[in-house]
Amino acid sequence: MSEYLSLVANSGQVNTPPGSYDTVKEWITHSFLGPHSNVLEVGCSTGFTSIEIARYVQAKCCGLDLHADSVATAYKNTDSYVRELVSFVEGDAGKLPFLNHNFSHVVISGHLPFVSASMRHQHIEESVRVLRPWGYLLTALYFYRRPPPQTLLDEFNREVGTQLEADGDYSYWSNLFNSPQLLLEHESVHEVLPADSSRIKEYLEHLEPSSRKKWAERLKLFNENGSYLNYFVRVHRRLPPESNLMIQIPRGGIYRSKKITVQGQAS
């Protein structure tokens, strides 16, 4: 287990997807998550997404992570109000220990930058395998809107344990999900705004005191890297294998539209 992931698991750091709560709510809204849903979170880290989905909509959630410390911390983070809805297991995202078509929703996002480029397609294919036909694949990933200096990238990868490359732009990360089995239903793109000193101070105050010095050093690195980043939030739908399905391409038909405000009505 990398030093960074161990620090996350043991410092009280809440490891969220890009966009944090807003992203979770965006996934919920655009994939019809609810009490009927059965969710797998691949690379769950300390459990934020699984726990929040259960809190918001009372869905049944299972988080999977390769690292035992992360799984143990995720269980510690699960409060009594959702304990019966949430479970966590140790396992390999490249070989998921679940049957085909087992889940209505699969979240796969934050662990992919830690995986070698040659393995990322396999991890996504495994997530699609365990997803039910017409189920939803949910992802949110950072990408470089402009290439960072190689010295910064090397330092970031070394300190955090990621396997990022300077050409990891929007095209690279979005193209990972190009598959005849997946239909893009929703996407939003967001700019990253680096933190100011007051936000960093507030962030550090909520971490274990013994870990604050290490986090303060890493947050400087995160902030510098963040000045080159955007992120996207996506909802894909898994298509059944049958041919001649009634699906409109392009989505929404020949026309596009924009919402307008009728004169005299509140916007």
C-alpha atoms as a PDB file:
ATOM      1  CA  MET A   1       0.000   0.000   0.000  1.00  0.00           C
ATOM      2  CA  SER A   2       1.457   3.382  -0.994  1.00  0.00           C
ATOM      3  CA  GLU A   3       2.374   5.873   1.720  1.00  0.00           C
ATOM      4  CA  TYR A   4      -0.267   8.261   0.379  1.00  0.00           C
ATOM      5  CA  LEU A   5      -3.121   5.727   0.497  1.00  0.00           C
ATOM      6  CA  SER A   6      -2.061   4.700   3.991  1.00  0.00           C
ATOM      7  CA  LEU A   7      -2.109   8.363   5.016  1.00  0.00           C
ATOM      8  CA  VAL A   8      -5.607   8.775   3.587  1.00  0.00           C
ATOM      9  CA  ALA A   9      -6.862   5.694   5.429  1.00  0.00           C
ATOM     10  CA  ASN A  10      -5.441   6.703   8.805  1.00  0.00           C
ATOM     11  CA  SER A  11      -5.604  10.504   8.947  1.00  0.00           C
ATOM     12  CA  GLY A  12      -9.341  11.195   8.875  1.00  0.00           C
ATOM     13  CA  GLN A  13      -9.139  12.505   5.307  1.00  0.00           C
ATOM     14  CA  VAL A  14     -12.466  12.265   3.470  1.00  0.00           C
ATOM     15  CA  ASN A  15     -11.448  10.985   0.053  1.00  0.00           C
ATOM     16  CA  THR A  16     -14.149  12.223  -2.329  1.00  0.00           C
ATOM     17  CA  PRO A  17     -14.681  12.097  -6.093  1.00  0.00           C
ATOM     18  CA  PRO A  18     -14.002  15.313  -8.030  1.00  0.00           C
ATOM     19  CA  GLY A  19     -16.814  17.677  -7.092  1.00  0.00           C
ATOM     20  CA  SER A  20     -17.526  15.892  -3.812  1.00  0.00           C
ATOM     21  CA  TYR A  21     -21.190  16.165  -2.714  1.00  0.00           C
ATOM     22  CA  ASP A  22     -22.276  17.980  -5.873  1.00  0.00           C
ATOM     23  CA  THR A  23     -20.999  15.106  -8.006  1.00  0.00           C
ATOM     24  CA  VAL A  24     -22.780  12.489  -5.903  1.00  0.00           C
ATOM     25  CA  LYS A  25     -26.032  14.438  -6.231  1.00  0.00           C
ATOM     26  CA  GLU A  26     -25.486  14.813  -9.977  1.00  0.00           C
ATOM     27  CA  TRP A  27     -25.073  11.039 -10.313  1.00  0.00           C
ATOM     28  CA  ILE A  28     -28.205  10.465  -8.238  1.00  0.00           C
ATOM     29  CA  THR A  29     -30.289  12.890 -10.302  1.00  0.00           C
ATOM     30  CA  HIS A  30     -29.233  11.641 -13.726  1.00  0.00           C
ATOM     31  CA  SER A  31     -29.204   7.899 -13.028  1.00  0.00           C
ATOM     32  CA  PHE A  32     -32.458   7.659 -11.031  1.00  0.00           C
ATOM     33  CA  LEU A  33     -30.719   6.264  -7.954  1.00  0.00           C
ATOM     34  CA  GLY A  34     -33.153   5.328  -5.218  1.00  0.00           C
ATOM     35  CA  PRO A  35     -34.067   2.772  -2.556  1.00  0.00           C
ATOM     36  CA  HIS A  36     -34.477   0.145  -5.277  1.00  0.00           C
ATOM     37  CA  SER A  37     -30.874   0.516  -6.453  1.00  0.00           C
ATOM     38  CA  ASN A  38     -28.007  -1.904  -5.880  1.00  0.00           C
ATOM     39  CA  VAL A  39     -24.719   0.007  -6.193  1.00  0.00           C
ATOM     40  CA  LEU A  40     -21.094  -1.100  -6.522  1.00  0.00           C
ATOM     41  CA  GLU A  41     -18.358   1.461  -5.918  1.00  0.00           C
ATOM     42  CA  VAL A  42     -15.068   0.304  -7.457  1.00  0.00           C
ATOM     43  CA  GLY A  43     -12.055   1.736  -5.639  1.00  0.00           C
ATOM     44  CA  CYS A  44     -14.085   2.978  -2.683  1.00  0.00           C
ATOM     45  CA  SER A  45     -11.128   4.237  -0.609  1.00  0.00           C
ATOM     46  CA  THR A  46     -12.526   5.311   2.784  1.00  0.00           C
ATOM     47  CA  GLY A  47     -16.155   4.931   1.733  1.00  0.00           C
ATOM     48  CA  PHE A  48     -17.392   8.474   1.087  1.00  0.00           C
ATOM     49  CA  THR A  49     -19.410   7.830  -2.073  1.00  0.00           C
ATOM     50  CA  SER A  50     -21.075   4.600  -0.926  1.00  0.00           C
ATOM     51  CA  ILE A  51     -21.999   6.097   2.429  1.00  0.00           C
ATOM     52  CA  GLU A  52     -23.364   9.311   0.922  1.00  0.00           C
ATOM     53  CA  ILE A  53     -25.472   7.507  -1.681  1.00  0.00           C
ATOM     54  CA  ALA A  54     -26.972   5.381   1.101  1.00  0.00           C
ATOM     55  CA  ARG A  55     -27.614   8.510   3.180  1.00  0.00           C
ATOM     56  CA  TYR A  56     -29.226  10.422   0.314  1.00  0.00           C
ATOM     57  CA  VAL A  57     -31.484   7.767  -1.196  1.00  0.00           C
ATOM     58  CA  GLN A  58     -31.278   4.627   1.009  1.00  0.00           C
ATOM     59  CA  ALA A  59     -29.778   2.571  -1.808  1.00  0.00           C
ATOM     60  CA  LYS A  60     -27.917  -0.651  -1.043  1.00  0.00           C
ATOM     61  CA  CYS A  61     -24.202   0.019  -1.627  1.00  0.00           C
ATOM     62  CA  CYS A  62     -21.105  -2.164  -1.739  1.00  0.00           C
ATOM     63  CA  GLY A  63     -17.653  -0.585  -1.841  1.00  0.00           C
ATOM     64  CA  LEU A  64     -14.618  -2.501  -3.090  1.00  0.00           C
ATOM     65  CA  ASP A  65     -10.982  -1.565  -2.579  1.00  0.00           C
ATOM     66  CA  LEU A  66      -7.664  -3.342  -3.011  1.00  0.00           C
ATOM     67  CA  HIS A  67      -6.283  -2.065   0.290  1.00  0.00           C
ATOM     68  CA  ALA A  68      -7.304  -3.589   3.608  1.00  0.00           C
ATOM     69  CA  ASP A  69      -6.663  -0.351   5.541  1.00  0.00           C
ATOM     70  CA  SER A  70      -9.064   1.540   3.288  1.00  0.00           C
ATOM     71  CA  VAL A  71     -11.782  -1.084   3.736  1.00  0.00           C
ATOM     72  CA  ALA A  72     -11.332  -1.068   7.519  1.00  0.00           C
ATOM     73  CA  THR A  73     -11.529   2.738   7.617  1.00  0.00           C
ATOM     74  CA  ALA A  74     -14.622   2.735   5.390  1.00  0.00           C
ATOM     75  CA  TYR A  75     -16.389   0.509   7.906  1.00  0.00           C
ATOM     76  CA  LYS A  76     -15.359   2.868  10.729  1.00  0.00           C
ATOM     77  CA  ASN A  77     -16.803   5.794   8.770  1.00  0.00           C
ATOM     78  CA  THR A  78     -20.205   4.106   8.349  1.00  0.00           C
ATOM     79  CA  ASP A  79     -22.725   5.528  10.800  1.00  0.00           C
ATOM     80  CA  SER A  80     -25.554   3.580  12.393  1.00  0.00           C
ATOM     81  CA  TYR A  81     -28.199   5.150  10.132  1.00  0.00           C
ATOM     82  CA  VAL A  82     -26.885   3.431   7.002  1.00  0.00           C
ATOM     83  CA  ARG A  83     -24.988   0.474   8.443  1.00  0.00           C
ATOM     84  CA  GLU A  84     -27.549  -2.034   7.195  1.00  0.00           C
ATOM     85  CA  LEU A  85     -27.330  -0.590   3.677  1.00  0.00           C
ATOM     86  CA  VAL A  86     -23.558  -0.354   3.218  1.00  0.00           C
ATOM     87  CA  SER A  87     -20.860  -3.045   3.010  1.00  0.00           C
ATOM     88  CA  PHE A  88     -17.195  -3.031   1.995  1.00  0.00           C
ATOM     89  CA  VAL A  89     -14.988  -5.782   0.598  1.00  0.00           C
ATOM     90  CA  GLU A  90     -11.331  -6.150  -0.235  1.00  0.00           C
ATOM     91  CA  GLY A  91     -10.821  -7.051  -3.883  1.00  0.00           C
ATOM     92  CA  ASP A  92      -9.160  -6.391  -7.228  1.00  0.00           C
ATOM     93  CA  ALA A  93     -10.954  -4.013  -9.620  1.00  0.00           C
ATOM     94  CA  GLY A  94      -9.351  -5.862 -12.534  1.00  0.00           C
ATOM     95  CA  LYS A  95     -11.049  -9.102 -11.516  1.00  0.00           C
ATOM     96  CA  LEU A  96     -14.239  -8.267  -9.666  1.00  0.00           C
ATOM     97  CA  PRO A  97     -15.586 -11.030  -7.377  1.00  0.00           C
ATOM     98  CA  PHE A  98     -19.176 -10.600  -8.572  1.00  0.00           C
ATOM     99  CA  LEU A  99     -21.480 -12.304 -11.064  1.00  0.00           C
ATOM    100  CA  ASN A 100     -22.414 -10.804 -14.416  1.00  0.00           C
ATOM    101  CA  HIS A 101     -25.224  -8.233 -14.349  1.00  0.00           C
ATOM    102  CA  ASN A 102     -25.237  -8.062 -10.540  1.00  0.00           C
ATOM    103  CA  PHE A 103     -25.650  -4.295  -9.974  1.00  0.00           C
ATOM    104  CA  SER A 104     -28.020  -1.566 -11.146  1.00  0.00           C
ATOM    105  CA  HIS A 105     -25.272   1.084 -10.787  1.00  0.00           C
ATOM    106  CA  VAL A 106     -21.469   0.956 -10.774  1.00  0.00           C
ATOM    107  CA  VAL A 107     -19.257   3.872  -9.728  1.00  0.00           C
ATOM    108  CA  ILE A 108     -15.717   3.803 -11.138  1.00  0.00           C
ATOM    109  CA  SER A 109     -13.562   6.915 -10.899  1.00  0.00           C
ATOM    110  CA  GLY A 110     -10.945   7.808  -8.308  1.00  0.00           C
ATOM    111  CA  HIS A 111      -8.779   4.697  -8.444  1.00  0.00           C
ATOM    112  CA  LEU A 112      -8.135   4.814 -12.210  1.00  0.00           C
ATOM    113  CA  PRO A 113      -5.268   7.366 -12.006  1.00  0.00           C
ATOM    114  CA  PHE A 114      -3.474   4.925  -9.673  1.00  0.00           C
ATOM    115  CA  VAL A 115      -3.718   2.115 -12.232  1.00  0.00           C
ATOM    116  CA  SER A 116      -1.275   1.681 -15.113  1.00  0.00           C
ATOM    117  CA  ALA A 117      -2.598   2.871 -18.468  1.00  0.00           C
ATOM    118  CA  SER A 118      -2.484  -0.695 -19.814  1.00  0.00           C
ATOM    119  CA  MET A 119      -4.921  -1.895 -17.122  1.00  0.00           C
ATOM    120  CA  ARG A 120      -7.527   0.878 -17.165  1.00  0.00           C
ATOM    121  CA  HIS A 121      -9.605  -0.587 -20.001  1.00  0.00           C
ATOM    122  CA  GLN A 122      -9.749  -3.932 -18.203  1.00  0.00           C
ATOM    123  CA  HIS A 123     -11.021  -2.289 -15.021  1.00  0.00           C
ATOM    124  CA  ILE A 124     -13.764  -0.493 -16.927  1.00  0.00           C
ATOM    125  CA  GLU A 125     -14.702  -3.678 -18.808  1.00  0.00           C
ATOM    126  CA  GLU A 126     -15.013  -5.533 -15.491  1.00  0.00           C
ATOM    127  CA  SER A 127     -17.302  -2.793 -14.175  1.00  0.00           C
ATOM    128  CA  VAL A 128     -19.473  -3.094 -17.285  1.00  0.00           C
ATOM    129  CA  ARG A 129     -19.558  -6.888 -16.924  1.00  0.00           C
ATOM    130  CA  VAL A 130     -21.159  -6.759 -13.464  1.00  0.00           C
ATOM    131  CA  LEU A 131     -23.618  -4.034 -14.514  1.00  0.00           C
ATOM    132  CA  ARG A 132     -27.166  -4.989 -15.478  1.00  0.00           C
ATOM    133  CA  PRO A 133     -28.439  -4.210 -18.993  1.00  0.00           C
ATOM    134  CA  TRP A 134     -29.876  -0.683 -18.915  1.00  0.00           C
ATOM    135  CA  GLY A 135     -27.946  -0.069 -15.677  1.00  0.00           C
ATOM    136  CA  TYR A 136     -25.785   3.011 -15.101  1.00  0.00           C
ATOM    137  CA  LEU A 137     -22.009   3.430 -15.061  1.00  0.00           C
ATOM    138  CA  LEU A 138     -21.058   6.553 -13.099  1.00  0.00           C
ATOM    139  CA  THR A 139     -17.684   8.272 -13.305  1.00  0.00           C
ATOM    140  CA  ALA A 140     -15.959  11.544 -12.436  1.00  0.00           C
ATOM    141  CA  LEU A 141     -12.339  12.132 -13.385  1.00  0.00           C
ATOM    142  CA  TYR A 142      -9.812  14.927 -13.382  1.00  0.00           C
ATOM    143  CA  PHE A 143      -8.053  15.710 -16.649  1.00  0.00           C
ATOM    144  CA  TYR A 144      -5.384  18.184 -17.693  1.00  0.00           C
ATOM    145  CA  ARG A 145      -6.836  21.206 -19.492  1.00  0.00           C
ATOM    146  CA  ARG A 146      -3.213  22.103 -20.266  1.00  0.00           C
ATOM    147  CA  PRO A 147      -0.110  19.978 -19.765  1.00  0.00           C
ATOM    148  CA  PRO A 148       1.703  20.493 -16.442  1.00  0.00           C
ATOM    149  CA  PRO A 149       5.490  20.800 -16.272  1.00  0.00           C
ATOM    150  CA  GLN A 150       7.064  17.352 -16.295  1.00  0.00           C
ATOM    151  CA  THR A 151       8.894  18.127 -13.045  1.00  0.00           C
ATOM    152  CA  LEU A 152       5.559  18.793 -11.300  1.00  0.00           C
ATOM    153  CA  LEU A 153       3.999  15.675 -12.781  1.00  0.00           C
ATOM    154  CA  ASP A 154       6.917  13.510 -11.695  1.00  0.00           C
ATOM    155  CA  GLU A 155       6.775  14.888  -8.160  1.00  0.00           C
ATOM    156  CA  PHE A 156       3.006  14.439  -7.970  1.00  0.00           C
ATOM    157  CA  ASN A 157       3.165  10.826  -9.162  1.00  0.00           C
ATOM    158  CA  ARG A 158       6.006  10.063  -6.773  1.00  0.00           C
ATOM    159  CA  GLU A 159       4.331  11.596  -3.719  1.00  0.00           C
ATOM    160  CA  VAL A 160       0.732  10.492  -4.361  1.00  0.00           C
ATOM    161  CA  GLY A 161       1.330   7.154  -6.092  1.00  0.00           C
ATOM    162  CA  THR A 162      -0.603   7.988  -9.252  1.00  0.00           C
ATOM    163  CA  GLN A 163       0.435   7.034 -12.783  1.00  0.00           C
ATOM    164  CA  LEU A 164      -0.572  10.205 -14.602  1.00  0.00           C
ATOM    165  CA  GLU A 165       0.942  11.467 -17.857  1.00  0.00           C
ATOM    166  CA  ALA A 166       1.051  14.964 -19.316  1.00  0.00           C
ATOM    167  CA  ASP A 167      -1.177  13.916 -22.232  1.00  0.00           C
ATOM    168  CA  GLY A 168      -3.951  12.868 -19.842  1.00  0.00           C
ATOM    169  CA  ASP A 169      -6.358  15.417 -21.288  1.00  0.00           C
ATOM    170  CA  TYR A 170     -10.120  15.260 -21.814  1.00  0.00           C
ATOM    171  CA  SER A 171      -9.806  13.117 -24.939  1.00  0.00           C
ATOM    172  CA  TYR A 172      -7.671  10.525 -23.191  1.00  0.00           C
ATOM    173  CA  TRP A 173      -9.904  10.001 -20.146  1.00  0.00           C
ATOM    174  CA  SER A 174     -13.215  10.263 -21.990  1.00  0.00           C
ATOM    175  CA  ASN A 175     -12.080   7.837 -24.705  1.00  0.00           C
ATOM    176  CA  LEU A 176     -11.511   5.157 -22.064  1.00  0.00           C
ATOM    177  CA  PHE A 177     -15.292   4.844 -21.921  1.00  0.00           C
ATOM    178  CA  ASN A 178     -15.820   4.539 -25.673  1.00  0.00           C
ATOM    179  CA  SER A 179     -17.527   1.171 -25.952  1.00  0.00           C
ATOM    180  CA  PRO A 180     -20.435  -0.220 -27.992  1.00  0.00           C
ATOM    181  CA  GLN A 181     -21.834  -1.385 -24.647  1.00  0.00           C
ATOM    182  CA  LEU A 182     -21.998   2.128 -23.181  1.00  0.00           C
ATOM    183  CA  LEU A 183     -24.243   5.029 -24.105  1.00  0.00           C
ATOM    184  CA  LEU A 184     -23.393   8.480 -22.708  1.00  0.00           C
ATOM    185  CA  GLU A 185     -26.562   9.866 -21.109  1.00  0.00           C
ATOM    186  CA  HIS A 186     -25.221  12.885 -19.223  1.00  0.00           C
ATOM    187  CA  GLU A 187     -22.014  14.881 -18.875  1.00  0.00           C
ATOM    188  CA  SER A 188     -20.907  18.092 -17.197  1.00  0.00           C
ATOM    189  CA  VAL A 189     -17.428  19.613 -17.233  1.00  0.00           C
ATOM    190  CA  HIS A 190     -15.991  21.733 -14.439  1.00  0.00           C
ATOM    191  CA  GLU A 191     -12.926  23.905 -13.875  1.00  0.00           C
ATOM    192  CA  VAL A 192     -10.815  23.275 -10.785  1.00  0.00           C
ATOM    193  CA  LEU A 193     -10.227  26.371  -8.616  1.00  0.00           C
ATOM    194  CA  PRO A 194      -7.193  25.940  -6.332  1.00  0.00           C
ATOM    195  CA  ALA A 195      -7.741  26.549  -2.622  1.00  0.00           C
ATOM    196  CA  ASP A 196      -6.847  29.751  -0.793  1.00  0.00           C
ATOM    197  CA  SER A 197      -5.076  29.780   2.579  1.00  0.00           C
ATOM    198  CA  SER A 198      -8.285  29.928   4.657  1.00  0.00           C
ATOM    199  CA  ARG A 199      -9.721  26.873   2.917  1.00  0.00           C
ATOM    200  CA  ILE A 200      -6.481  24.944   3.416  1.00  0.00           C
ATOM    201  CA  LYS A 201      -6.472  25.881   7.114  1.00  0.00           C
ATOM    202  CA  GLU A 202     -10.080  24.701   7.539  1.00  0.00           C
ATOM    203  CA  TYR A 203      -9.279  21.459   5.713  1.00  0.00           C
ATOM    204  CA  LEU A 204      -6.286  20.706   7.919  1.00  0.00           C
ATOM    205  CA  GLU A 205      -8.214  21.380  11.132  1.00  0.00           C
ATOM    206  CA  HIS A 206     -10.473  18.392  10.421  1.00  0.00           C
ATOM    207  CA  LEU A 207      -7.605  15.918  10.058  1.00  0.00           C
ATOM    208  CA  GLU A 208      -5.824  13.932  12.734  1.00  0.00           C
ATOM    209  CA  PRO A 209      -3.289  16.300  14.374  1.00  0.00           C
ATOM    210  CA  SER A 210      -0.405  13.880  13.845  1.00  0.00           C
ATOM    211  CA  SER A 211      -0.972  13.903  10.055  1.00  0.00           C
ATOM    212  CA  ARG A 212      -1.452  17.628   9.493  1.00  0.00           C
ATOM    213  CA  LYS A 213       2.183  18.416   8.710  1.00  0.00           C
ATOM    214  CA  LYS A 214       2.317  15.770   5.970  1.00  0.00           C
ATOM    215  CA  TRP A 215      -1.011  16.919   4.561  1.00  0.00           C
ATOM    216  CA  ALA A 216       0.073  20.560   4.551  1.00  0.00           C
ATOM    217  CA  GLU A 217       3.041  19.605   2.366  1.00  0.00           C
ATOM    218  CA  ARG A 218       0.896  17.556   0.000  1.00  0.00           C
ATOM    219  CA  LEU A 219      -1.846  20.178  -0.266  1.00  0.00           C
ATOM    220  CA  LYS A 220       0.706  22.607  -1.723  1.00  0.00           C
ATOM    221  CA  LEU A 221       1.420  19.990  -4.371  1.00  0.00           C
ATOM    222  CA  PHE A 222      -2.303  19.352  -4.959  1.00  0.00           C
ATOM    223  CA  ASN A 223      -2.907  23.081  -5.358  1.00  0.00           C
ATOM    224  CA  GLU A 224      -0.139  23.455  -7.911  1.00  0.00           C
ATOM    225  CA  ASN A 225      -1.363  20.428  -9.854  1.00  0.00           C
ATOM    226  CA  GLY A 226      -4.955  21.678  -9.596  1.00  0.00           C
ATOM    227  CA  SER A 227      -4.096  24.848 -11.509  1.00  0.00           C
ATOM    228  CA  TYR A 228      -3.818  22.639 -14.624  1.00  0.00           C
ATOM    229  CA  LEU A 229      -6.970  20.565 -14.043  1.00  0.00           C
ATOM    230  CA  ASN A 230     -10.606  20.327 -15.029  1.00  0.00           C
ATOM    231  CA  TYR A 231     -12.893  17.373 -14.346  1.00  0.00           C
ATOM    232  CA  PHE A 232     -15.941  15.765 -15.914  1.00  0.00           C
ATOM    233  CA  VAL A 233     -18.929  14.051 -14.331  1.00  0.00           C
ATOM    234  CA  ARG A 234     -20.554  11.361 -16.479  1.00  0.00           C
ATOM    235  CA  VAL A 235     -23.465   8.952 -16.511  1.00  0.00           C
ATOM    236  CA  HIS A 236     -23.308   6.085 -19.028  1.00  0.00           C
ATOM    237  CA  ARG A 237     -25.992   3.485 -19.651  1.00  0.00           C
ATOM    238  CA  ARG A 238     -25.132  -0.136 -20.313  1.00  0.00           C
ATOM    239  CA  LEU A 239     -26.792  -1.426 -23.472  1.00  0.00           C
ATOM    240  CA  PRO A 240     -28.152  -4.970 -23.739  1.00  0.00           C
ATOM    241  CA  PRO A 241     -26.527  -7.237 -26.335  1.00  0.00           C
ATOM    242  CA  GLU A 242     -29.647  -7.442 -28.513  1.00  0.00           C
ATOM    243  CA  SER A 243     -29.605  -5.705 -31.891  1.00  0.00           C
ATOM    244  CA  ASN A 244     -32.275  -3.366 -33.310  1.00  0.00           C
ATOM    245  CA  LEU A 245     -32.943  -1.689 -29.969  1.00  0.00           C
ATOM    246  CA  MET A 246     -35.052   1.466 -30.107  1.00  0.00           C
ATOM    247  CA  ILE A 247     -32.328   4.036 -29.369  1.00  0.00           C
ATOM    248  CA  GLN A 248     -32.182   7.520 -30.873  1.00  0.00           C
ATOM    249  CA  ILE A 249     -28.780   8.571 -32.193  1.00  0.00           C
ATOM    250  CA  PRO A 250     -27.779  11.374 -31.849  1.00  0.00           C
ATOM    251  CA  ARG A 251     -29.378  11.581 -28.421  1.00  0.00           C
ATOM    252  CA  GLY A 252     -32.394  13.872 -28.517  1.00  0.00           C
ATOM    253  CA  GLY A 253     -32.851  13.772 -32.297  1.00  0.00           C
ATOM    254  CA  ILE A 254     -31.770  16.154 -35.014  1.00  0.00           C
ATOM    255  CA  TYR A 255     -32.482  19.355 -33.071  1.00  0.00           C
ATOM    256  CA  ARG A 256     -30.682  20.706 -30.042  1.00  0.00           C
ATOM    257  CA  SER A 257     -32.251  23.153 -27.620  1.00  0.00           C
ATOM    258  CA  LYS A 258     -31.609  25.549 -24.777  1.00  0.00           C
ATOM    259  CA  LYS A 259     -33.864  26.456 -21.885  1.00  0.00           C
ATOM    260  CA  ILE A 260     -35.474  29.911 -22.054  1.00  0.00           C
ATOM    261  CA  THR A 261     -37.348  32.062 -19.580  1.00  0.00           C
ATOM    262  CA  VAL A 262     -40.860  33.117 -20.569  1.00  0.00           C
ATOM    263  CA  GLN A 263     -41.395  36.858 -20.166  1.00  0.00           C
ATOM    264  CA  GLY A 264     -43.225  37.633 -16.945  1.00  0.00           C
ATOM    265  CA  GLN A 265     -42.240  34.373 -15.259  1.00  0.00           C
ATOM    266  CA  ALA A 266     -39.586  33.971 -12.606  1.00  0.00           C
ATOM    267  CA  SER A 267     -36.400  32.337 -13.840  1.00  0.00           C
END
